[in-house]
Amino acid sequence: MQSVKLHSHVGRDGILKLEVPVGMSEVDLEVVVIVQPLAQASTDRPVASWPPGFFKRVAGGWRGELVREPQGEYEARKPLE
Protein backbone atom coordinates (compact mmCIF):
# COMPACT_ATOMS: atom_id res chain seq x y z
CA MET A 1 0.00 0.00 0.00
CA GLN A 2 1.26 3.46 -0.85
CA SER A 3 -0.01 6.63 0.83
CA VAL A 4 0.01 9.92 -1.06
CA LYS A 5 -0.89 13.18 0.66
CA LEU A 6 -1.87 16.15 -1.50
CA HIS A 7 -3.02 19.69 -0.88
CA SER A 8 -5.41 20.78 -3.57
CA HIS A 9 -7.82 23.61 -4.33
CA VAL A 10 -11.48 23.36 -5.26
CA GLY A 11 -12.50 25.92 -7.86
CA ARG A 12 -15.77 27.81 -8.23
CA ASP A 13 -17.38 24.78 -9.85
CA GLY A 14 -17.10 22.86 -6.56
CA ILE A 15 -15.31 19.93 -8.19
CA LEU A 16 -12.01 18.59 -6.86
CA LYS A 17 -9.77 17.47 -9.68
CA LEU A 18 -6.95 15.06 -8.82
CA GLU A 19 -4.06 13.87 -10.95
CA VAL A 20 -1.88 11.45 -8.99
CA PRO A 21 1.02 9.71 -10.71
CA VAL A 22 1.43 6.28 -9.10
CA GLY A 23 4.20 4.83 -11.25
CA MET A 24 2.12 1.82 -12.32
CA SER A 25 0.19 0.91 -15.44
CA GLU A 26 -2.28 -1.75 -16.46
CA VAL A 27 -3.25 -2.62 -12.84
CA ASP A 28 -6.45 -2.44 -10.81
CA LEU A 29 -6.25 -0.17 -7.77
CA GLU A 30 -8.38 0.56 -4.76
CA VAL A 31 -8.33 4.30 -4.03
CA VAL A 32 -9.49 5.90 -0.79
CA VAL A 33 -10.06 9.67 -0.74
CA ILE A 34 -10.53 11.57 2.51
CA VAL A 35 -11.65 15.17 2.08
CA GLN A 36 -10.78 17.47 4.97
CA PRO A 37 -10.73 21.28 4.77
CA LEU A 38 -7.47 22.91 5.82
CA ALA A 39 -7.63 25.21 8.83
CA GLN A 40 -7.70 28.80 7.65
CA ALA A 41 -5.18 31.21 9.15
CA SER A 42 -6.85 33.66 11.50
CA THR A 43 -6.88 37.23 10.24
CA ASP A 44 -7.45 38.58 13.76
CA ARG A 45 -3.72 38.94 14.44
CA PRO A 46 -0.51 38.96 12.43
CA VAL A 47 1.15 35.57 11.96
CA ALA A 48 4.36 36.70 13.66
CA SER A 49 2.66 37.99 16.85
CA TRP A 50 2.60 36.35 20.27
CA PRO A 51 0.05 33.54 20.77
CA PRO A 52 -3.13 34.45 22.69
CA GLY A 53 -2.59 34.34 26.46
CA PHE A 54 1.21 34.10 26.15
CA PHE A 55 2.02 36.91 28.57
CA LYS A 56 -0.47 35.69 31.16
CA ARG A 57 1.25 32.29 31.15
CA VAL A 58 4.82 33.61 31.38
CA ALA A 59 4.48 36.81 33.43
CA GLY A 60 6.01 36.16 36.84
CA GLY A 61 7.33 32.82 35.65
CA TRP A 62 10.93 33.43 36.76
CA ARG A 63 11.73 31.78 40.08
CA GLY A 64 14.85 32.62 42.07
CA GLU A 65 17.25 35.52 41.83
CA LEU A 66 18.42 37.11 38.63
CA VAL A 67 22.22 36.94 38.64
CA ARG A 68 24.56 38.39 36.04
CA GLU A 69 27.76 36.41 35.87
CA PRO A 70 31.11 38.24 35.52
CA GLN A 71 31.65 39.36 31.94
CA GLY A 72 35.44 39.01 31.87
CA GLU A 73 37.90 41.54 30.53
CA TYR A 74 37.63 43.39 27.24
CA GLU A 75 40.37 42.79 24.70
CA ALA A 76 42.84 45.62 24.09
CA ARG A 77 42.43 47.13 20.63
CA LYS A 78 44.47 49.57 18.62
CA PRO A 79 43.12 53.11 18.78
CA LEU A 80 41.39 54.46 15.68
CA GLU A 81 43.56 56.83 13.69
C-alpha atoms as a PDB file:
ATOM      1  CA  MET A   1       0.000   0.000   0.000  1.00  0.00           C
ATOM      2  CA  GLN A   2       1.264   3.460  -0.854  1.00  0.00           C
ATOM      3  CA  SER A   3      -0.006   6.629   0.829  1.00  0.00           C
ATOM      4  CA  VAL A   4       0.009   9.920  -1.062  1.00  0.00           C
ATOM      5  CA  LYS A   5      -0.888  13.183   0.660  1.00  0.00           C
ATOM      6  CA  LEU A   6      -1.869  16.154  -1.501  1.00  0.00           C
ATOM      7  CA  HIS A   7      -3.020  19.690  -0.879  1.00  0.00           C
ATOM      8  CA  SER A   8      -5.412  20.779  -3.568  1.00  0.00           C
ATOM      9  CA  HIS A   9      -7.821  23.613  -4.328  1.00  0.00           C
ATOM     10  CA  VAL A  10     -11.480  23.361  -5.261  1.00  0.00           C
ATOM     11  CA  GLY A  11     -12.499  25.920  -7.859  1.00  0.00           C
ATOM     12  CA  ARG A  12     -15.768  27.809  -8.229  1.00  0.00           C
ATOM     13  CA  ASP A  13     -17.378  24.784  -9.850  1.00  0.00           C
ATOM     14  CA  GLY A  14     -17.095  22.861  -6.556  1.00  0.00           C
ATOM     15  CA  ILE A  15     -15.307  19.933  -8.191  1.00  0.00           C
ATOM     16  CA  LEU A  16     -12.010  18.593  -6.856  1.00  0.00           C
ATOM     17  CA  LYS A  17      -9.766  17.466  -9.684  1.00  0.00           C
ATOM     18  CA  LEU A  18      -6.947  15.057  -8.825  1.00  0.00           C
ATOM     19  CA  GLU A  19      -4.059  13.872 -10.946  1.00  0.00           C
ATOM     20  CA  VAL A  20      -1.881  11.447  -8.992  1.00  0.00           C
ATOM     21  CA  PRO A  21       1.024   9.713 -10.706  1.00  0.00           C
ATOM     22  CA  VAL A  22       1.430   6.284  -9.103  1.00  0.00           C
ATOM     23  CA  GLY A  23       4.204   4.835 -11.253  1.00  0.00           C
ATOM     24  CA  MET A  24       2.119   1.816 -12.325  1.00  0.00           C
ATOM     25  CA  SER A  25       0.190   0.912 -15.436  1.00  0.00           C
ATOM     26  CA  GLU A  26      -2.281  -1.754 -16.459  1.00  0.00           C
ATOM     27  CA  VAL A  27      -3.251  -2.621 -12.844  1.00  0.00           C
ATOM     28  CA  ASP A  28      -6.451  -2.442 -10.815  1.00  0.00           C
ATOM     29  CA  LEU A  29      -6.247  -0.170  -7.769  1.00  0.00           C
ATOM     30  CA  GLU A  30      -8.384   0.562  -4.759  1.00  0.00           C
ATOM     31  CA  VAL A  31      -8.332   4.297  -4.029  1.00  0.00           C
ATOM     32  CA  VAL A  32      -9.493   5.904  -0.786  1.00  0.00           C
ATOM     33  CA  VAL A  33     -10.064   9.669  -0.744  1.00  0.00           C
ATOM     34  CA  ILE A  34     -10.526  11.570   2.511  1.00  0.00           C
ATOM     35  CA  VAL A  35     -11.646  15.168   2.081  1.00  0.00           C
ATOM     36  CA  GLN A  36     -10.779  17.472   4.968  1.00  0.00           C
ATOM     37  CA  PRO A  37     -10.732  21.277   4.768  1.00  0.00           C
ATOM     38  CA  LEU A  38      -7.474  22.909   5.818  1.00  0.00           C
ATOM     39  CA  ALA A  39      -7.626  25.208   8.831  1.00  0.00           C
ATOM     40  CA  GLN A  40      -7.698  28.798   7.645  1.00  0.00           C
ATOM     41  CA  ALA A  41      -5.181  31.208   9.152  1.00  0.00           C
ATOM     42  CA  SER A  42      -6.850  33.658  11.496  1.00  0.00           C
ATOM     43  CA  THR A  43      -6.878  37.235  10.239  1.00  0.00           C
ATOM     44  CA  ASP A  44      -7.451  38.582  13.762  1.00  0.00           C
ATOM     45  CA  ARG A  45      -3.723  38.939  14.439  1.00  0.00           C
ATOM     46  CA  PRO A  46      -0.513  38.962  12.427  1.00  0.00           C
ATOM     47  CA  VAL A  47       1.149  35.568  11.958  1.00  0.00           C
ATOM     48  CA  ALA A  48       4.361  36.702  13.663  1.00  0.00           C
ATOM     49  CA  SER A  49       2.661  37.987  16.847  1.00  0.00           C
ATOM     50  CA  TRP A  50       2.599  36.348  20.271  1.00  0.00           C
ATOM     51  CA  PRO A  51       0.049  33.539  20.769  1.00  0.00           C
ATOM     52  CA  PRO A  52      -3.125  34.452  22.688  1.00  0.00           C
ATOM     53  CA  GLY A  53      -2.587  34.337  26.464  1.00  0.00           C
ATOM     54  CA  PHE A  54       1.214  34.096  26.150  1.00  0.00           C
ATOM     55  CA  PHE A  55       2.015  36.909  28.573  1.00  0.00           C
ATOM     56  CA  LYS A  56      -0.474  35.687  31.164  1.00  0.00           C
ATOM     57  CA  ARG A  57       1.253  32.289  31.148  1.00  0.00           C
ATOM     58  CA  VAL A  58       4.815  33.609  31.378  1.00  0.00           C
ATOM     59  CA  ALA A  59       4.476  36.813  33.434  1.00  0.00           C
ATOM     60  CA  GLY A  60       6.006  36.163  36.843  1.00  0.00           C
ATOM     61  CA  GLY A  61       7.328  32.820  35.652  1.00  0.00           C
ATOM     62  CA  TRP A  62      10.934  33.428  36.764  1.00  0.00           C
ATOM     63  CA  ARG A  63      11.734  31.783  40.084  1.00  0.00           C
ATOM     64  CA  GLY A  64      14.849  32.625  42.072  1.00  0.00           C
ATOM     65  CA  GLU A  65      17.252  35.517  41.833  1.00  0.00           C
ATOM     66  CA  LEU A  66      18.419  37.114  38.634  1.00  0.00           C
ATOM     67  CA  VAL A  67      22.220  36.938  38.639  1.00  0.00           C
ATOM     68  CA  ARG A  68      24.557  38.386  36.042  1.00  0.00           C
ATOM     69  CA  GLU A  69      27.765  36.410  35.874  1.00  0.00           C
ATOM     70  CA  PRO A  70      31.112  38.244  35.521  1.00  0.00           C
ATOM     71  CA  GLN A  71      31.651  39.360  31.936  1.00  0.00           C
ATOM     72  CA  GLY A  72      35.435  39.011  31.868  1.00  0.00           C
ATOM     73  CA  GLU A  73      37.904  41.537  30.529  1.00  0.00           C
ATOM     74  CA  TYR A  74      37.631  43.389  27.237  1.00  0.00           C
ATOM     75  CA  GLU A  75      40.365  42.789  24.705  1.00  0.00           C
ATOM     76  CA  ALA A  76      42.836  45.615  24.086  1.00  0.00           C
ATOM     77  CA  ARG A  77      42.434  47.129  20.630  1.00  0.00           C
ATOM     78  CA  LYS A  78      44.469  49.571  18.623  1.00  0.00           C
ATOM     79  CA  PRO A  79      43.119  53.105  18.783  1.00  0.00           C
ATOM     80  CA  LEU A  80      41.393  54.464  15.678  1.00  0.00           C
ATOM     81  CA  GLU A  81      43.555  56.834  13.685  1.00  0.00           C
END
